[in-house]
Amino acid sequence: MTQPQACPADEQGIGFFERYLTVWVGLCIVAGIAMGKVAPGIAKSLDNMAIYVNDAPVISIPIATYHTSGSSRPREKCGFVTSSCIS
């Protein structure tokens, strides 16, 4: 039986961004709430760019655009949770 390949991400260790990911998410939430309080018109205009079904927003066009543009970049070959490489 062969040994599993070492994942390149395992050798580098955890990066600065990944280490403080919870902090970044918290800062983004706080910034979003602050922007909604300071400039509520922006939030309303973004909310109007949605597809509604039965008076409920189903698809947010700005969020869908972000996810579509982000899905075009190459994916890593190593799993985040298991750190197993795909050969």
C-alpha atoms as a PDB file:
ATOM      1  CA  MET A   1       0.000   0.000   0.000  1.00  0.00           C
ATOM      2  CA  THR A   2       1.306   3.444  -0.860  1.00  0.00           C
ATOM      3  CA  GLN A   3       1.693   6.341   1.509  1.00  0.00           C
ATOM      4  CA  PRO A   4      -0.733   9.255   1.016  1.00  0.00           C
ATOM      5  CA  GLN A   5       0.791  12.298  -0.643  1.00  0.00           C
ATOM      6  CA  ALA A   6       1.668  15.231   1.567  1.00  0.00           C
ATOM      7  CA  CYS A   7      -0.503  18.211   0.865  1.00  0.00           C
ATOM      8  CA  PRO A   8       1.448  21.395   0.002  1.00  0.00           C
ATOM      9  CA  ALA A   9      -0.865  23.380   2.280  1.00  0.00           C
ATOM     10  CA  ASP A  10       0.168  21.189   5.239  1.00  0.00           C
ATOM     11  CA  GLU A  11       3.807  22.145   4.806  1.00  0.00           C
ATOM     12  CA  GLN A  12       3.089  25.885   4.769  1.00  0.00           C
ATOM     13  CA  GLY A  13       1.011  25.957   7.935  1.00  0.00           C
ATOM     14  CA  ILE A  14      -1.956  28.179   8.560  1.00  0.00           C
ATOM     15  CA  GLY A  15      -1.733  31.681   7.122  1.00  0.00           C
ATOM     16  CA  PHE A  16      -2.427  35.019   8.742  1.00  0.00           C
ATOM     17  CA  PHE A  17      -5.794  35.438   7.003  1.00  0.00           C
ATOM     18  CA  GLU A  18      -6.990  31.947   7.925  1.00  0.00           C
ATOM     19  CA  ARG A  19      -5.797  32.296  11.502  1.00  0.00           C
ATOM     20  CA  TYR A  20      -7.917  35.402  12.094  1.00  0.00           C
ATOM     21  CA  LEU A  21     -10.844  34.488   9.810  1.00  0.00           C
ATOM     22  CA  THR A  22     -13.361  34.886  12.635  1.00  0.00           C
ATOM     23  CA  VAL A  23     -12.087  38.410  13.273  1.00  0.00           C
ATOM     24  CA  TRP A  24     -12.405  39.331   9.577  1.00  0.00           C
ATOM     25  CA  VAL A  25     -15.959  37.972   9.418  1.00  0.00           C
ATOM     26  CA  GLY A  26     -16.884  39.911  12.564  1.00  0.00           C
ATOM     27  CA  LEU A  27     -15.374  43.116  11.168  1.00  0.00           C
ATOM     28  CA  CYS A  28     -17.299  42.677   7.911  1.00  0.00           C
ATOM     29  CA  ILE A  29     -20.557  42.188   9.822  1.00  0.00           C
ATOM     30  CA  VAL A  30     -19.927  45.316  11.896  1.00  0.00           C
ATOM     31  CA  ALA A  31     -18.956  47.288   8.775  1.00  0.00           C
ATOM     32  CA  GLY A  32     -22.115  46.134   6.992  1.00  0.00           C
ATOM     33  CA  ILE A  33     -24.326  47.176   9.905  1.00  0.00           C
ATOM     34  CA  ALA A  34     -22.556  50.539  10.134  1.00  0.00           C
ATOM     35  CA  MET A  35     -22.951  51.142   6.402  1.00  0.00           C
ATOM     36  CA  GLY A  36     -26.651  50.298   6.685  1.00  0.00           C
ATOM     37  CA  LYS A  37     -27.062  52.878   9.456  1.00  0.00           C
ATOM     38  CA  VAL A  38     -24.957  55.589   7.792  1.00  0.00           C
ATOM     39  CA  ALA A  39     -26.252  55.131   4.238  1.00  0.00           C
ATOM     40  CA  PRO A  40     -29.569  53.233   4.303  1.00  0.00           C
ATOM     41  CA  GLY A  41     -30.215  54.112   0.656  1.00  0.00           C
ATOM     42  CA  ILE A  42     -27.412  51.796  -0.454  1.00  0.00           C
ATOM     43  CA  ALA A  43     -28.922  48.877   1.433  1.00  0.00           C
ATOM     44  CA  LYS A  44     -32.359  49.569  -0.042  1.00  0.00           C
ATOM     45  CA  SER A  45     -30.985  49.818  -3.574  1.00  0.00           C
ATOM     46  CA  LEU A  46     -29.121  46.522  -3.165  1.00  0.00           C
ATOM     47  CA  ASP A  47     -32.275  44.951  -1.748  1.00  0.00           C
ATOM     48  CA  ASN A  48     -34.216  46.121  -4.804  1.00  0.00           C
ATOM     49  CA  MET A  49     -31.765  44.171  -7.014  1.00  0.00           C
ATOM     50  CA  ALA A  50     -33.275  40.834  -6.046  1.00  0.00           C
ATOM     51  CA  ILE A  51     -35.638  38.321  -7.552  1.00  0.00           C
ATOM     52  CA  TYR A  52     -38.735  38.043  -5.379  1.00  0.00           C
ATOM     53  CA  VAL A  53     -41.202  35.162  -5.061  1.00  0.00           C
ATOM     54  CA  ASN A  54     -44.308  35.742  -2.911  1.00  0.00           C
ATOM     55  CA  ASP A  55     -42.878  39.006  -1.519  1.00  0.00           C
ATOM     56  CA  ALA A  56     -39.715  37.284  -0.280  1.00  0.00           C
ATOM     57  CA  PRO A  57     -36.263  37.847  -1.822  1.00  0.00           C
ATOM     58  CA  VAL A  58     -35.099  34.559  -3.288  1.00  0.00           C
ATOM     59  CA  ILE A  59     -31.996  35.543  -5.276  1.00  0.00           C
ATOM     60  CA  SER A  60     -29.843  38.564  -4.510  1.00  0.00           C
ATOM     61  CA  ILE A  61     -28.283  39.694  -7.780  1.00  0.00           C
ATOM     62  CA  PRO A  62     -25.198  41.356  -6.131  1.00  0.00           C
ATOM     63  CA  ILE A  63     -24.461  38.231  -4.088  1.00  0.00           C
ATOM     64  CA  ALA A  64     -25.059  35.945  -7.084  1.00  0.00           C
ATOM     65  CA  THR A  65     -22.700  38.081  -9.169  1.00  0.00           C
ATOM     66  CA  TYR A  66     -20.019  37.865  -6.496  1.00  0.00           C
ATOM     67  CA  HIS A  67     -20.314  34.074  -6.228  1.00  0.00           C
ATOM     68  CA  THR A  68     -20.294  33.654  -9.999  1.00  0.00           C
ATOM     69  CA  SER A  69     -17.145  35.736 -10.404  1.00  0.00           C
ATOM     70  CA  GLY A  70     -15.452  33.918  -7.516  1.00  0.00           C
ATOM     71  CA  SER A  71     -16.201  30.482  -8.925  1.00  0.00           C
ATOM     72  CA  SER A  72     -14.046  31.100 -12.001  1.00  0.00           C
ATOM     73  CA  ARG A  73     -10.749  31.006 -10.116  1.00  0.00           C
ATOM     74  CA  PRO A  74      -8.891  27.689  -9.853  1.00  0.00           C
ATOM     75  CA  ARG A  75      -9.696  25.501  -6.888  1.00  0.00           C
ATOM     76  CA  GLU A  76      -7.088  24.069  -4.560  1.00  0.00           C
ATOM     77  CA  LYS A  77      -6.470  20.371  -4.750  1.00  0.00           C
ATOM     78  CA  CYS A  78      -6.347  19.884  -0.991  1.00  0.00           C
ATOM     79  CA  GLY A  79      -9.372  19.566   1.242  1.00  0.00           C
ATOM     80  CA  PHE A  80      -9.679  22.203   3.949  1.00  0.00           C
ATOM     81  CA  VAL A  81     -11.113  20.001   6.695  1.00  0.00           C
ATOM     82  CA  THR A  82      -9.323  16.736   6.063  1.00  0.00           C
ATOM     83  CA  SER A  83      -6.132  18.138   4.478  1.00  0.00           C
ATOM     84  CA  SER A  84      -6.197  15.217   2.070  1.00  0.00           C
ATOM     85  CA  CYS A  85      -4.832  15.686  -1.422  1.00  0.00           C
ATOM     86  CA  ILE A  86      -6.733  14.708  -4.528  1.00  0.00           C
ATOM     87  CA  SER A  87      -4.502  13.013  -7.045  1.00  0.00           C
END
